[in-house]
C-alpha atoms as a PDB file:
ATOM      1  CA  MET A   1       5.721  -9.421  22.505  1.00  0.00           C
ATOM      2  CA  ASN A   2       5.102 -12.772  20.853  1.00  0.00           C
ATOM      3  CA  ASP A   3       1.497 -12.721  22.053  1.00  0.00           C
ATOM      4  CA  VAL A   4       0.359 -10.736  18.979  1.00  0.00           C
ATOM      5  CA  ILE A   5      -2.027 -12.899  17.000  1.00  0.00           C
ATOM      6  CA  THR A   6      -2.606 -11.957  13.388  1.00  0.00           C
ATOM      7  CA  PRO A   7      -5.937 -12.939  11.784  1.00  0.00           C
ATOM      8  CA  HIS A   8      -6.166 -14.202   8.244  1.00  0.00           C
ATOM      9  CA  THR A   9      -5.681 -10.738   6.747  1.00  0.00           C
ATOM     10  CA  LEU A  10      -4.113  -7.529   7.959  1.00  0.00           C
ATOM     11  CA  GLY A  11      -7.188  -5.680   6.729  1.00  0.00           C
ATOM     12  CA  GLU A  12      -9.212  -7.397   9.467  1.00  0.00           C
ATOM     13  CA  LEU A  13      -7.090  -5.871  12.228  1.00  0.00           C
ATOM     14  CA  SER A  14      -8.038  -2.781  14.179  1.00  0.00           C
ATOM     15  CA  VAL A  15      -5.514   0.037  13.912  1.00  0.00           C
ATOM     16  CA  GLN A  16      -4.246  -0.806  17.420  1.00  0.00           C
ATOM     17  CA  GLU A  17      -3.849  -4.480  16.495  1.00  0.00           C
ATOM     18  CA  LEU A  18      -2.087  -3.586  13.230  1.00  0.00           C
ATOM     19  CA  ILE A  19       0.399  -1.389  15.084  1.00  0.00           C
ATOM     20  CA  ALA A  20       0.982  -4.148  17.629  1.00  0.00           C
ATOM     21  CA  ALA A  21       1.524  -6.737  14.872  1.00  0.00           C
ATOM     22  CA  ILE A  22       4.007  -4.569  12.978  1.00  0.00           C
ATOM     23  CA  SER A  23       5.890  -3.589  16.138  1.00  0.00           C
ATOM     24  CA  SER A  24       6.083  -7.144  17.504  1.00  0.00           C
ATOM     25  CA  ASP A  25       9.239  -9.239  17.598  1.00  0.00           C
ATOM     26  CA  ARG A  26       7.923 -11.411  14.770  1.00  0.00           C
ATOM     27  CA  PRO A  27       9.586 -10.871  11.391  1.00  0.00           C
ATOM     28  CA  ALA A  28       6.298 -10.244   9.596  1.00  0.00           C
ATOM     29  CA  PRO A  29       4.361  -8.141   9.051  1.00  0.00           C
ATOM     30  CA  GLY A  30       7.101  -5.565   8.695  1.00  0.00           C
ATOM     31  CA  ALA A  31       8.068  -2.594   6.573  1.00  0.00           C
ATOM     32  CA  GLY A  32       6.716  -4.063   3.339  1.00  0.00           C
ATOM     33  CA  ALA A  33       3.282  -4.688   4.808  1.00  0.00           C
ATOM     34  CA  ALA A  34       3.361  -1.291   6.539  1.00  0.00           C
ATOM     35  CA  GLY A  35       4.195   0.380   3.232  1.00  0.00           C
ATOM     36  CA  ALA A  36       1.284  -1.421   1.591  1.00  0.00           C
ATOM     37  CA  ILE A  37      -1.100  -0.291   4.336  1.00  0.00           C
ATOM     38  CA  VAL A  38       0.193   3.268   3.925  1.00  0.00           C
ATOM     39  CA  LEU A  39      -0.663   2.997   0.230  1.00  0.00           C
ATOM     40  CA  ALA A  40      -4.176   1.816   1.104  1.00  0.00           C
ATOM     41  CA  LEU A  41      -4.557   4.827   3.410  1.00  0.00           C
ATOM     42  CA  ALA A  42      -3.287   7.085   0.626  1.00  0.00           C
ATOM     43  CA  ALA A  43      -5.916   5.685  -1.727  1.00  0.00           C
ATOM     44  CA  ALA A  44      -8.559   6.171   0.970  1.00  0.00           C
ATOM     45  CA  CYS A  45      -7.614   9.861   1.276  1.00  0.00           C
ATOM     46  CA  ALA A  46      -7.904  10.289  -2.495  1.00  0.00           C
ATOM     47  CA  ALA A  47     -11.223   8.409  -2.546  1.00  0.00           C
ATOM     48  CA  LYS A  48     -12.560  10.649   0.217  1.00  0.00           C
ATOM     49  CA  ALA A  49     -11.742  13.834  -1.691  1.00  0.00           C
ATOM     50  CA  ALA A  50     -13.139  12.467  -4.949  1.00  0.00           C
ATOM     51  CA  SER A  51     -16.282  11.134  -3.225  1.00  0.00           C
ATOM     52  CA  ILE A  52     -17.031  14.475  -1.608  1.00  0.00           C
ATOM     53  CA  ALA A  53     -16.428  16.271  -4.909  1.00  0.00           C
ATOM     54  CA  LEU A  54     -18.779  13.778  -6.566  1.00  0.00           C
ATOM     55  CA  LYS A  55     -21.562  14.795  -4.174  1.00  0.00           C
ATOM     56  CA  HIS A  56     -21.374  18.255  -5.739  1.00  0.00           C
ATOM     57  CA  ARG A  57     -20.980  16.947  -9.307  1.00  0.00           C
ATOM     58  CA  PRO A  58     -22.941  13.658  -9.384  1.00  0.00           C
ATOM     59  CA  ASN A  59     -22.844  13.413 -13.189  1.00  0.00           C
ATOM     60  CA  ASP A  60     -19.073  13.685 -13.458  1.00  0.00           C
ATOM     61  CA  THR A  61     -18.168  10.292 -14.934  1.00  0.00           C
ATOM     62  CA  GLU A  62     -14.443  10.908 -14.507  1.00  0.00           C
ATOM     63  CA  LEU A  63     -14.926  11.400 -10.768  1.00  0.00           C
ATOM     64  CA  VAL A  64     -17.032   8.222 -10.607  1.00  0.00           C
ATOM     65  CA  ARG A  65     -14.207   6.301 -12.282  1.00  0.00           C
ATOM     66  CA  ALA A  66     -11.651   7.943  -9.984  1.00  0.00           C
ATOM     67  CA  VAL A  67     -13.540   6.885  -6.844  1.00  0.00           C
ATOM     68  CA  GLU A  68     -13.742   3.321  -8.169  1.00  0.00           C
ATOM     69  CA  SER A  69     -10.052   3.343  -9.113  1.00  0.00           C
ATOM     70  CA  PHE A  70      -8.957   4.664  -5.710  1.00  0.00           C
ATOM     71  CA  ALA A  71     -11.067   2.021  -3.955  1.00  0.00           C
ATOM     72  CA  GLN A  72      -9.533  -0.700  -6.128  1.00  0.00           C
ATOM     73  CA  ILE A  73      -6.006   0.517  -5.353  1.00  0.00           C
ATOM     74  CA  ALA A  74      -6.829   0.441  -1.629  1.00  0.00           C
ATOM     75  CA  ARG A  75      -8.152  -3.143  -1.853  1.00  0.00           C
ATOM     76  CA  ARG A  76      -5.154  -4.305  -3.883  1.00  0.00           C
ATOM     77  CA  ALA A  77      -2.742  -2.630  -1.448  1.00  0.00           C
ATOM     78  CA  VAL A  78      -4.310  -4.365   1.573  1.00  0.00           C
ATOM     79  CA  SER A  79      -4.160  -7.676  -0.278  1.00  0.00           C
ATOM     80  CA  ALA A  80      -0.516  -7.016  -1.160  1.00  0.00           C
ATOM     81  CA  ALA A  81       0.237  -6.316   2.524  1.00  0.00           C
ATOM     82  CA  ASP A  82      -0.863  -9.858   3.310  1.00  0.00           C
ATOM     83  CA  ALA A  83       1.091 -11.232   0.345  1.00  0.00           C
ATOM     84  CA  ASP A  84       4.211  -9.373   1.429  1.00  0.00           C
ATOM     85  CA  ALA A  85       3.997 -10.624   5.022  1.00  0.00           C
ATOM     86  CA  ALA A  86       3.460 -14.221   3.872  1.00  0.00           C
ATOM     87  CA  ALA A  87       6.225 -14.071   1.259  1.00  0.00           C
ATOM     88  CA  PHE A  88       8.687 -12.589   3.753  1.00  0.00           C
ATOM     89  CA  GLU A  89       7.918 -15.330   6.297  1.00  0.00           C
ATOM     90  CA  ARG A  90       8.439 -18.013   3.609  1.00  0.00           C
ATOM     91  CA  PHE A  91      11.666 -16.392   2.457  1.00  0.00           C
ATOM     92  CA  LEU A  92      13.090 -16.267   5.986  1.00  0.00           C
ATOM     93  CA  HIS A  93      12.305 -19.949   6.554  1.00  0.00           C
ATOM     94  CA  GLU A  94      13.331 -21.326   3.171  1.00  0.00           C
ATOM     95  CA  ARG A  95      15.820 -18.780   1.735  1.00  0.00           C
ATOM     96  CA  GLN A  96      15.011 -19.925  -1.774  1.00  0.00           C
ATOM     97  CA  PRO A  97      15.368 -17.744  -4.883  1.00  0.00           C
ATOM     98  CA  ASN A  98      11.707 -18.264  -5.792  1.00  0.00           C
ATOM     99  CA  GLN A  99      10.712 -16.807  -2.406  1.00  0.00           C
ATOM    100  CA  ALA A 100      12.917 -13.775  -3.022  1.00  0.00           C
ATOM    101  CA  TRP A 101      11.333 -13.349  -6.436  1.00  0.00           C
ATOM    102  CA  GLN A 102       7.877 -13.440  -4.859  1.00  0.00           C
ATOM    103  CA  LEU A 103       8.895 -10.660  -2.475  1.00  0.00           C
ATOM    104  CA  ILE A 104      10.264  -8.619  -5.370  1.00  0.00           C
ATOM    105  CA  LEU A 105       7.120  -9.148  -7.440  1.00  0.00           C
ATOM    106  CA  THR A 106       4.933  -8.017  -4.547  1.00  0.00           C
ATOM    107  CA  ASP A 107       7.082  -4.932  -4.044  1.00  0.00           C
ATOM    108  CA  GLU A 108       7.037  -4.178  -7.789  1.00  0.00           C
ATOM    109  CA  THR A 109       3.240  -4.404  -7.775  1.00  0.00           C
ATOM    110  CA  LEU A 110       3.109  -1.937  -4.891  1.00  0.00           C
ATOM    111  CA  VAL A 111       5.517   0.443  -6.632  1.00  0.00           C
ATOM    112  CA  GLN A 112       3.276   0.368  -9.710  1.00  0.00           C
ATOM    113  CA  LEU A 113       0.123   0.944  -7.643  1.00  0.00           C
ATOM    114  CA  SER A 114       1.846   3.846  -5.881  1.00  0.00           C
ATOM    115  CA  LYS A 115       2.737   5.407  -9.225  1.00  0.00           C
ATOM    116  CA  GLU A 116      -0.829   4.968 -10.481  1.00  0.00           C
ATOM    117  CA  LEU A 117      -2.199   6.699  -7.409  1.00  0.00           C
ATOM    118  CA  ILE A 118       0.317   9.537  -7.612  1.00  0.00           C
ATOM    119  CA  ASP A 119      -0.506  10.095 -11.294  1.00  0.00           C
ATOM    120  CA  ALA A 120      -4.244  10.025 -10.607  1.00  0.00           C
ATOM    121  CA  THR A 121      -4.025  12.481  -7.720  1.00  0.00           C
ATOM    122  CA  ASN A 122      -1.919  14.816  -9.845  1.00  0.00           C
ATOM    123  CA  ALA A 123      -4.499  14.624 -12.644  1.00  0.00           C
ATOM    124  CA  PHE A 124      -7.479  15.329 -10.390  1.00  0.00           C
ATOM    125  CA  GLU A 125      -6.078  17.761  -7.865  1.00  0.00           C
ATOM    126  CA  SER A 126      -6.796  20.806 -10.041  1.00  0.00           C
ATOM    127  CA  ARG A 127     -10.469  19.745 -10.257  1.00  0.00           C
ATOM    128  CA  ILE A 128     -10.965  19.430  -6.511  1.00  0.00           C
ATOM    129  CA  GLU A 129     -12.129  22.246  -4.250  1.00  0.00           C
ATOM    130  CA  TRP A 130      -9.478  23.808  -2.052  1.00  0.00           C
ATOM    131  CA  THR A 131     -11.141  22.349   1.046  1.00  0.00           C
ATOM    132  CA  LEU A 132     -10.261  18.866  -0.234  1.00  0.00           C
ATOM    133  CA  ALA A 133      -6.737  19.658  -1.438  1.00  0.00           C
ATOM    134  CA  GLY A 134      -5.253  18.402   1.837  1.00  0.00           C
ATOM    135  CA  ASP A 135      -6.724  14.946   1.250  1.00  0.00           C
ATOM    136  CA  PHE A 136      -5.152  14.777  -2.209  1.00  0.00           C
ATOM    137  CA  ALA A 137      -1.843  16.110  -0.903  1.00  0.00           C
ATOM    138  CA  ALA A 138      -1.873  13.468   1.843  1.00  0.00           C
ATOM    139  CA  ALA A 139      -2.709  10.790  -0.732  1.00  0.00           C
ATOM    140  CA  ARG A 140       0.197  11.805  -2.940  1.00  0.00           C
ATOM    141  CA  LEU A 141       2.709  12.100  -0.071  1.00  0.00           C
ATOM    142  CA  LEU A 142       1.685   8.781   1.487  1.00  0.00           C
ATOM    143  CA  ALA A 143       1.842   7.077  -1.914  1.00  0.00           C
ATOM    144  CA  GLN A 144       5.334   8.502  -2.453  1.00  0.00           C
ATOM    145  CA  ALA A 145       6.430   7.164   0.935  1.00  0.00           C
ATOM    146  CA  SER A 146       5.004   3.740   0.096  1.00  0.00           C
ATOM    147  CA  ARG A 147       6.773   3.743  -3.274  1.00  0.00           C
ATOM    148  CA  MET A 148      10.083   4.583  -1.598  1.00  0.00           C
ATOM    149  CA  VAL A 149       9.694   1.743   0.946  1.00  0.00           C
ATOM    150  CA  HIS A 150       9.042  -0.794  -1.790  1.00  0.00           C
ATOM    151  CA  GLU A 151      11.781   0.468  -4.094  1.00  0.00           C
ATOM    152  CA  ARG A 152      14.221   0.085  -1.201  1.00  0.00           C
ATOM    153  CA  ASN A 153      12.887  -3.409  -0.430  1.00  0.00           C
ATOM    154  CA  ILE A 154      13.441  -4.392  -4.064  1.00  0.00           C
ATOM    155  CA  ALA A 155      17.013  -3.096  -4.024  1.00  0.00           C
ATOM    156  CA  GLU A 156      17.762  -4.864  -0.732  1.00  0.00           C
ATOM    157  CA  ALA A 157      16.213  -8.134  -1.896  1.00  0.00           C
ATOM    158  CA  LYS A 158      18.213  -8.096  -5.108  1.00  0.00           C
ATOM    159  CA  ALA A 159      21.463  -7.218  -3.296  1.00  0.00           C
ATOM    160  CA  SER A 160      21.237  -9.646  -0.389  1.00  0.00           C
ATOM    161  CA  SER A 161      19.149 -12.589  -1.547  1.00  0.00           C
ATOM    162  CA  PRO A 162      20.084 -15.896  -3.154  1.00  0.00           C
ATOM    163  CA  LEU A 163      19.301 -14.142  -6.439  1.00  0.00           C
ATOM    164  CA  SER A 164      22.532 -12.160  -6.243  1.00  0.00           C
ATOM    165  CA  SER A 165      24.684 -15.255  -5.669  1.00  0.00           C
END
């Protein structure tokens, strides 16, 4: 399975290529990058619901800000997927404390973004039509899954890295 070639960013991959890259025998991208992509998908679900609601309420400035915020979270999550994959590769090759810290910082950023998305979906869900509630529920559940992946990565990195020595 070593024939998987990853372009400059994970965001440039098709879904099939992303799945192949994550499931390859290469160490990265792995669970951290997958969790980041899940967060980007969560933000996309929230953006979809808010965008459709905005079509019906075009003057709702809070919805405009929500759509922009969800899009920004998605972009930051995709960027963090690349950062996680690169940091994990560096850590495996160098096993230096600064590499472990970079992994932890990336995971902490993703935990924070997950929390922001969860809070935002909770705040807006009551304002969204029932036909869009599934998108917000998916956004919240996916963001929770992403948060759990990154919280576990942080705990593992702290317990098993040169930082704990």
